[in-house]
Amino acid sequence: DLHSFPTRRSSDLTGGSLTAFANYRLYLYGKLLWDPYQDVEVLTDRFFEQYYKECAPQMRELFDMYMTHLQNVNIHEYHSKKDANMFPRNIVDRAEELVNEALAVCNAMDDTVVAQKIKNRCFDELYCIHLTKICFYSAYGYPLDEYKDFYNLFVSEMEDANMPRYSERVSMSEFLDSIKPKS
């Protein structure tokens, strides 16, 4: 039952990496290792319905949007060239809208304990979106005079998520120093 799935942050489950839908991949891999002949679409539906509860429609739309976009991306080019064209601003903006819609659903839930659990799960996805957004902030054309505020928000989110690493070789603090706004 995914209702009892750990309430830990993504960083606790993935060793500290900030990757979209990390808990979905853990769930799917575990199910397919148990029985590789299961229908992935059925498993995916079950995951979103049980893991995100009332927020499943928004989070599933986000997941499907990513999957549709990634089907059109040349994966070899993606690994060799990281730029804003790989995840265009319209996708990043829509992704952020969907998570904010899901968070609004959480705010309207009666059961505050379940609402907070689902909120944390949605925040994990929002942090991934914000990572993409901050990496390509100026390329996306966001207002540069708001960068410092967005940077401070992102630092706070990384502390909240207990995210120690940006990548295998780079700590989160090193990454944050590298993108720190000029005084």
C-alpha atoms as a PDB file:
ATOM      1  CA  ASP A   1       0.000   0.000   0.000  1.00  0.00           C
ATOM      2  CA  LEU A   2       1.507   3.290  -1.104  1.00  0.00           C
ATOM      3  CA  HIS A   3      -0.360   5.196   1.590  1.00  0.00           C
ATOM      4  CA  SER A   4       2.233   3.901   4.025  1.00  0.00           C
ATOM      5  CA  PHE A   5       5.113   4.594   1.619  1.00  0.00           C
ATOM      6  CA  PRO A   6       7.886   6.408   3.530  1.00  0.00           C
ATOM      7  CA  THR A   7       7.324  10.072   4.272  1.00  0.00           C
ATOM      8  CA  ARG A   8      11.031  10.727   4.013  1.00  0.00           C
ATOM      9  CA  ARG A   9      12.313  13.312   1.595  1.00  0.00           C
ATOM     10  CA  SER A  10      13.606  12.225  -1.817  1.00  0.00           C
ATOM     11  CA  SER A  11      17.133  12.821  -0.592  1.00  0.00           C
ATOM     12  CA  ASP A  12      16.626  10.125   2.050  1.00  0.00           C
ATOM     13  CA  LEU A  13      15.470   7.630  -0.570  1.00  0.00           C
ATOM     14  CA  THR A  14      17.916   8.369  -3.354  1.00  0.00           C
ATOM     15  CA  GLY A  15      21.129   9.054  -1.484  1.00  0.00           C
ATOM     16  CA  GLY A  16      20.847  12.773  -1.939  1.00  0.00           C
ATOM     17  CA  SER A  17      20.205  13.289  -5.624  1.00  0.00           C
ATOM     18  CA  LEU A  18      17.530  15.656  -6.810  1.00  0.00           C
ATOM     19  CA  THR A  19      15.736  13.805  -9.597  1.00  0.00           C
ATOM     20  CA  ALA A  20      12.161  14.054 -10.788  1.00  0.00           C
ATOM     21  CA  PHE A  21       9.801  11.275  -9.742  1.00  0.00           C
ATOM     22  CA  ALA A  22      12.525   9.348  -7.896  1.00  0.00           C
ATOM     23  CA  ASN A  23       9.964   7.551  -5.721  1.00  0.00           C
ATOM     24  CA  TYR A  24       7.997   6.488  -8.780  1.00  0.00           C
ATOM     25  CA  ARG A  25      11.106   4.873 -10.238  1.00  0.00           C
ATOM     26  CA  LEU A  26      11.817   3.057  -6.957  1.00  0.00           C
ATOM     27  CA  TYR A  27       8.247   1.773  -6.894  1.00  0.00           C
ATOM     28  CA  LEU A  28       8.227   0.740 -10.547  1.00  0.00           C
ATOM     29  CA  TYR A  29      11.631  -0.975 -10.438  1.00  0.00           C
ATOM     30  CA  GLY A  30      10.664  -2.870  -7.308  1.00  0.00           C
ATOM     31  CA  LYS A  31       7.398  -4.071  -8.816  1.00  0.00           C
ATOM     32  CA  LEU A  32       9.039  -5.083 -12.108  1.00  0.00           C
ATOM     33  CA  LEU A  33      11.872  -6.899 -10.353  1.00  0.00           C
ATOM     34  CA  TRP A  34       9.232  -8.918  -8.514  1.00  0.00           C
ATOM     35  CA  ASP A  35       7.317  -9.657 -11.721  1.00  0.00           C
ATOM     36  CA  PRO A  36       8.702  -8.278 -15.010  1.00  0.00           C
ATOM     37  CA  TYR A  37       5.499  -9.120 -16.903  1.00  0.00           C
ATOM     38  CA  GLN A  38       3.329  -6.558 -15.138  1.00  0.00           C
ATOM     39  CA  ASP A  39       1.670  -3.809 -17.142  1.00  0.00           C
ATOM     40  CA  VAL A  40       3.732  -0.631 -16.596  1.00  0.00           C
ATOM     41  CA  GLU A  41       0.751   1.603 -17.346  1.00  0.00           C
ATOM     42  CA  VAL A  42      -1.347  -0.138 -14.688  1.00  0.00           C
ATOM     43  CA  LEU A  43       1.493   0.165 -12.184  1.00  0.00           C
ATOM     44  CA  THR A  44       1.956   3.836 -13.072  1.00  0.00           C
ATOM     45  CA  ASP A  45      -1.744   4.565 -12.607  1.00  0.00           C
ATOM     46  CA  ARG A  46      -1.719   2.743  -9.271  1.00  0.00           C
ATOM     47  CA  PHE A  47       1.346   4.655  -8.098  1.00  0.00           C
ATOM     48  CA  PHE A  48      -0.118   8.081  -8.868  1.00  0.00           C
ATOM     49  CA  GLU A  49      -3.542   7.247  -7.397  1.00  0.00           C
ATOM     50  CA  GLN A  50      -2.123   5.856  -4.164  1.00  0.00           C
ATOM     51  CA  TYR A  51       0.948   8.042  -3.704  1.00  0.00           C
ATOM     52  CA  TYR A  52      -0.525  11.438  -4.599  1.00  0.00           C
ATOM     53  CA  LYS A  53      -4.163  10.731  -3.658  1.00  0.00           C
ATOM     54  CA  GLU A  54      -6.269  13.843  -4.460  1.00  0.00           C
ATOM     55  CA  CYS A  55      -3.303  15.399  -6.272  1.00  0.00           C
ATOM     56  CA  ALA A  56      -2.930  12.488  -8.673  1.00  0.00           C
ATOM     57  CA  PRO A  57      -4.447  14.301 -11.693  1.00  0.00           C
ATOM     58  CA  GLN A  58      -1.981  17.193 -11.531  1.00  0.00           C
ATOM     59  CA  MET A  59       1.034  15.045 -10.772  1.00  0.00           C
ATOM     60  CA  ARG A  60       0.155  12.523 -13.464  1.00  0.00           C
ATOM     61  CA  GLU A  61      -0.250  15.342 -15.989  1.00  0.00           C
ATOM     62  CA  LEU A  62       3.204  16.578 -14.981  1.00  0.00           C
ATOM     63  CA  PHE A  63       4.696  13.107 -15.404  1.00  0.00           C
ATOM     64  CA  ASP A  64       2.993  12.594 -18.767  1.00  0.00           C
ATOM     65  CA  MET A  65       4.179  16.017 -19.955  1.00  0.00           C
ATOM     66  CA  TYR A  66       7.765  15.097 -19.088  1.00  0.00           C
ATOM     67  CA  MET A  67       7.480  11.723 -20.805  1.00  0.00           C
ATOM     68  CA  THR A  68       5.999  13.243 -23.975  1.00  0.00           C
ATOM     69  CA  HIS A  69       8.721  15.879 -24.074  1.00  0.00           C
ATOM     70  CA  LEU A  70      11.536  13.398 -23.460  1.00  0.00           C
ATOM     71  CA  GLN A  71      10.329  11.164 -26.287  1.00  0.00           C
ATOM     72  CA  ASN A  72      11.184  14.037 -28.623  1.00  0.00           C
ATOM     73  CA  VAL A  73      14.629  14.747 -27.161  1.00  0.00           C
ATOM     74  CA  ASN A  74      17.785  13.268 -28.664  1.00  0.00           C
ATOM     75  CA  ILE A  75      19.170  11.525 -25.574  1.00  0.00           C
ATOM     76  CA  HIS A  76      22.754  11.582 -26.881  1.00  0.00           C
ATOM     77  CA  GLU A  77      22.579  15.328 -27.352  1.00  0.00           C
ATOM     78  CA  TYR A  78      20.991  15.705 -23.920  1.00  0.00           C
ATOM     79  CA  HIS A  79      23.918  14.049 -22.151  1.00  0.00           C
ATOM     80  CA  SER A  80      26.540  16.017 -24.051  1.00  0.00           C
ATOM     81  CA  LYS A  81      24.924  19.455 -24.011  1.00  0.00           C
ATOM     82  CA  LYS A  82      22.993  20.821 -21.062  1.00  0.00           C
ATOM     83  CA  ASP A  83      21.138  23.960 -22.042  1.00  0.00           C
ATOM     84  CA  ALA A  84      17.732  25.576 -21.709  1.00  0.00           C
ATOM     85  CA  ASN A  85      16.563  24.047 -24.999  1.00  0.00           C
ATOM     86  CA  MET A  86      16.489  20.575 -23.451  1.00  0.00           C
ATOM     87  CA  PHE A  87      13.742  21.651 -21.054  1.00  0.00           C
ATOM     88  CA  PRO A  88      12.174  24.769 -22.587  1.00  0.00           C
ATOM     89  CA  ARG A  89      10.705  27.452 -20.372  1.00  0.00           C
ATOM     90  CA  ASN A  90       7.116  26.635 -21.359  1.00  0.00           C
ATOM     91  CA  ILE A  91       7.546  23.127 -19.923  1.00  0.00           C
ATOM     92  CA  VAL A  92       9.211  24.399 -16.755  1.00  0.00           C
ATOM     93  CA  ASP A  93       6.503  27.027 -16.243  1.00  0.00           C
ATOM     94  CA  ARG A  94       3.693  24.522 -16.837  1.00  0.00           C
ATOM     95  CA  ALA A  95       5.366  22.034 -14.506  1.00  0.00           C
ATOM     96  CA  GLU A  96       5.500  24.641 -11.758  1.00  0.00           C
ATOM     97  CA  GLU A  97       1.817  25.500 -12.354  1.00  0.00           C
ATOM     98  CA  LEU A  98       0.809  21.848 -12.039  1.00  0.00           C
ATOM     99  CA  VAL A  99       2.667  21.365  -8.758  1.00  0.00           C
ATOM    100  CA  ASN A 100       1.210  24.597  -7.392  1.00  0.00           C
ATOM    101  CA  GLU A 101      -2.272  23.333  -8.355  1.00  0.00           C
ATOM    102  CA  ALA A 102      -1.523  20.095  -6.492  1.00  0.00           C
ATOM    103  CA  LEU A 103      -0.345  22.042  -3.436  1.00  0.00           C
ATOM    104  CA  ALA A 104      -3.594  24.034  -3.506  1.00  0.00           C
ATOM    105  CA  VAL A 105      -5.497  20.730  -3.451  1.00  0.00           C
ATOM    106  CA  CYS A 106      -3.459  19.704  -0.395  1.00  0.00           C
ATOM    107  CA  ASN A 107      -4.318  22.977   1.329  1.00  0.00           C
ATOM    108  CA  ALA A 108      -8.026  22.200   0.904  1.00  0.00           C
ATOM    109  CA  MET A 109      -7.782  18.677   2.352  1.00  0.00           C
ATOM    110  CA  ASP A 110      -9.479  17.968   5.678  1.00  0.00           C
ATOM    111  CA  ASP A 111      -6.943  15.447   6.955  1.00  0.00           C
ATOM    112  CA  THR A 112      -3.937  17.648   7.729  1.00  0.00           C
ATOM    113  CA  VAL A 113      -1.599  14.716   8.383  1.00  0.00           C
ATOM    114  CA  VAL A 114      -2.245  13.151   4.981  1.00  0.00           C
ATOM    115  CA  ALA A 115      -2.210  16.604   3.382  1.00  0.00           C
ATOM    116  CA  GLN A 116       1.275  17.307   4.759  1.00  0.00           C
ATOM    117  CA  LYS A 117       2.557  13.929   3.602  1.00  0.00           C
ATOM    118  CA  ILE A 118       1.296  14.552   0.062  1.00  0.00           C
ATOM    119  CA  LYS A 119       2.527  18.153   0.168  1.00  0.00           C
ATOM    120  CA  ASN A 120       6.043  16.904   0.929  1.00  0.00           C
ATOM    121  CA  ARG A 121       5.809  14.569  -2.043  1.00  0.00           C
ATOM    122  CA  CYS A 122       4.717  17.443  -4.283  1.00  0.00           C
ATOM    123  CA  PHE A 123       7.477  19.664  -2.896  1.00  0.00           C
ATOM    124  CA  ASP A 124      10.036  17.064  -3.985  1.00  0.00           C
ATOM    125  CA  GLU A 125       8.882  17.590  -7.571  1.00  0.00           C
ATOM    126  CA  LEU A 126       8.779  21.364  -7.165  1.00  0.00           C
ATOM    127  CA  TYR A 127      12.408  21.324  -6.009  1.00  0.00           C
ATOM    128  CA  CYS A 128      13.397  19.513  -9.213  1.00  0.00           C
ATOM    129  CA  ILE A 129      11.576  22.135 -11.249  1.00  0.00           C
ATOM    130  CA  HIS A 130      13.276  24.914  -9.322  1.00  0.00           C
ATOM    131  CA  LEU A 131      16.665  23.302  -9.914  1.00  0.00           C
ATOM    132  CA  THR A 132      16.053  23.406 -13.654  1.00  0.00           C
ATOM    133  CA  LYS A 133      14.721  26.935 -13.403  1.00  0.00           C
ATOM    134  CA  ILE A 134      17.715  28.249 -11.454  1.00  0.00           C
ATOM    135  CA  CYS A 135      20.222  26.521 -13.742  1.00  0.00           C
ATOM    136  CA  PHE A 136      18.794  28.300 -16.792  1.00  0.00           C
ATOM    137  CA  TYR A 137      17.310  31.368 -15.093  1.00  0.00           C
ATOM    138  CA  SER A 138      18.708  34.019 -17.422  1.00  0.00           C
ATOM    139  CA  ALA A 139      18.391  31.832 -20.547  1.00  0.00           C
ATOM    140  CA  TYR A 140      14.681  31.403 -19.788  1.00  0.00           C
ATOM    141  CA  GLY A 141      14.297  35.164 -19.571  1.00  0.00           C
ATOM    142  CA  TYR A 142      13.097  35.385 -15.984  1.00  0.00           C
ATOM    143  CA  PRO A 143      13.529  38.874 -14.454  1.00  0.00           C
ATOM    144  CA  LEU A 144      17.155  39.183 -13.378  1.00  0.00           C
ATOM    145  CA  ASP A 145      16.257  41.619 -10.591  1.00  0.00           C
ATOM    146  CA  GLU A 146      14.311  38.728  -8.964  1.00  0.00           C
ATOM    147  CA  TYR A 147      17.198  36.236  -9.170  1.00  0.00           C
ATOM    148  CA  LYS A 148      18.480  36.909  -5.646  1.00  0.00           C
ATOM    149  CA  ASP A 149      15.033  36.197  -4.151  1.00  0.00           C
ATOM    150  CA  PHE A 150      14.661  33.024  -6.208  1.00  0.00           C
ATOM    151  CA  TYR A 151      18.183  31.941  -5.228  1.00  0.00           C
ATOM    152  CA  ASN A 152      17.358  32.430  -1.525  1.00  0.00           C
ATOM    153  CA  LEU A 153      14.139  30.445  -1.953  1.00  0.00           C
ATOM    154  CA  PHE A 154      16.076  27.642  -3.643  1.00  0.00           C
ATOM    155  CA  VAL A 155      18.707  27.568  -0.868  1.00  0.00           C
ATOM    156  CA  SER A 156      15.893  27.303   1.680  1.00  0.00           C
ATOM    157  CA  GLU A 157      14.269  24.475  -0.295  1.00  0.00           C
ATOM    158  CA  MET A 158      17.533  22.538  -0.465  1.00  0.00           C
ATOM    159  CA  GLU A 159      17.970  22.896   3.289  1.00  0.00           C
ATOM    160  CA  ASP A 160      14.370  21.755   3.852  1.00  0.00           C
ATOM    161  CA  ALA A 161      14.911  18.740   1.590  1.00  0.00           C
ATOM    162  CA  ASN A 162      18.209  17.916   3.296  1.00  0.00           C
ATOM    163  CA  MET A 163      19.835  17.738  -0.130  1.00  0.00           C
ATOM    164  CA  PRO A 164      23.598  17.251   0.339  1.00  0.00           C
ATOM    165  CA  ARG A 165      24.615  16.722  -3.292  1.00  0.00           C
ATOM    166  CA  TYR A 166      24.037  18.414  -6.596  1.00  0.00           C
ATOM    167  CA  SER A 167      25.719  15.534  -8.428  1.00  0.00           C
ATOM    168  CA  GLU A 168      28.073  12.666  -7.645  1.00  0.00           C
ATOM    169  CA  ARG A 169      31.079  14.956  -7.723  1.00  0.00           C
ATOM    170  CA  VAL A 170      29.599  18.266  -6.587  1.00  0.00           C
ATOM    171  CA  SER A 171      28.123  19.020  -3.187  1.00  0.00           C
ATOM    172  CA  MET A 172      25.001  21.156  -2.994  1.00  0.00           C
ATOM    173  CA  SER A 173      26.933  23.872  -1.164  1.00  0.00           C
ATOM    174  CA  GLU A 174      29.544  23.971  -3.968  1.00  0.00           C
ATOM    175  CA  PHE A 175      26.790  24.222  -6.561  1.00  0.00           C
ATOM    176  CA  LEU A 176      24.982  26.954  -4.634  1.00  0.00           C
ATOM    177  CA  ASP A 177      28.238  28.912  -4.312  1.00  0.00           C
ATOM    178  CA  SER A 178      28.745  28.644  -8.057  1.00  0.00           C
ATOM    179  CA  ILE A 179      25.357  30.219  -8.838  1.00  0.00           C
ATOM    180  CA  LYS A 180      25.285  32.697  -5.964  1.00  0.00           C
ATOM    181  CA  PRO A 181      24.126  36.159  -7.017  1.00  0.00           C
ATOM    182  CA  LYS A 182      26.763  38.817  -7.244  1.00  0.00           C
ATOM    183  CA  SER A 183      26.566  41.288  -4.367  1.00  0.00           C
END
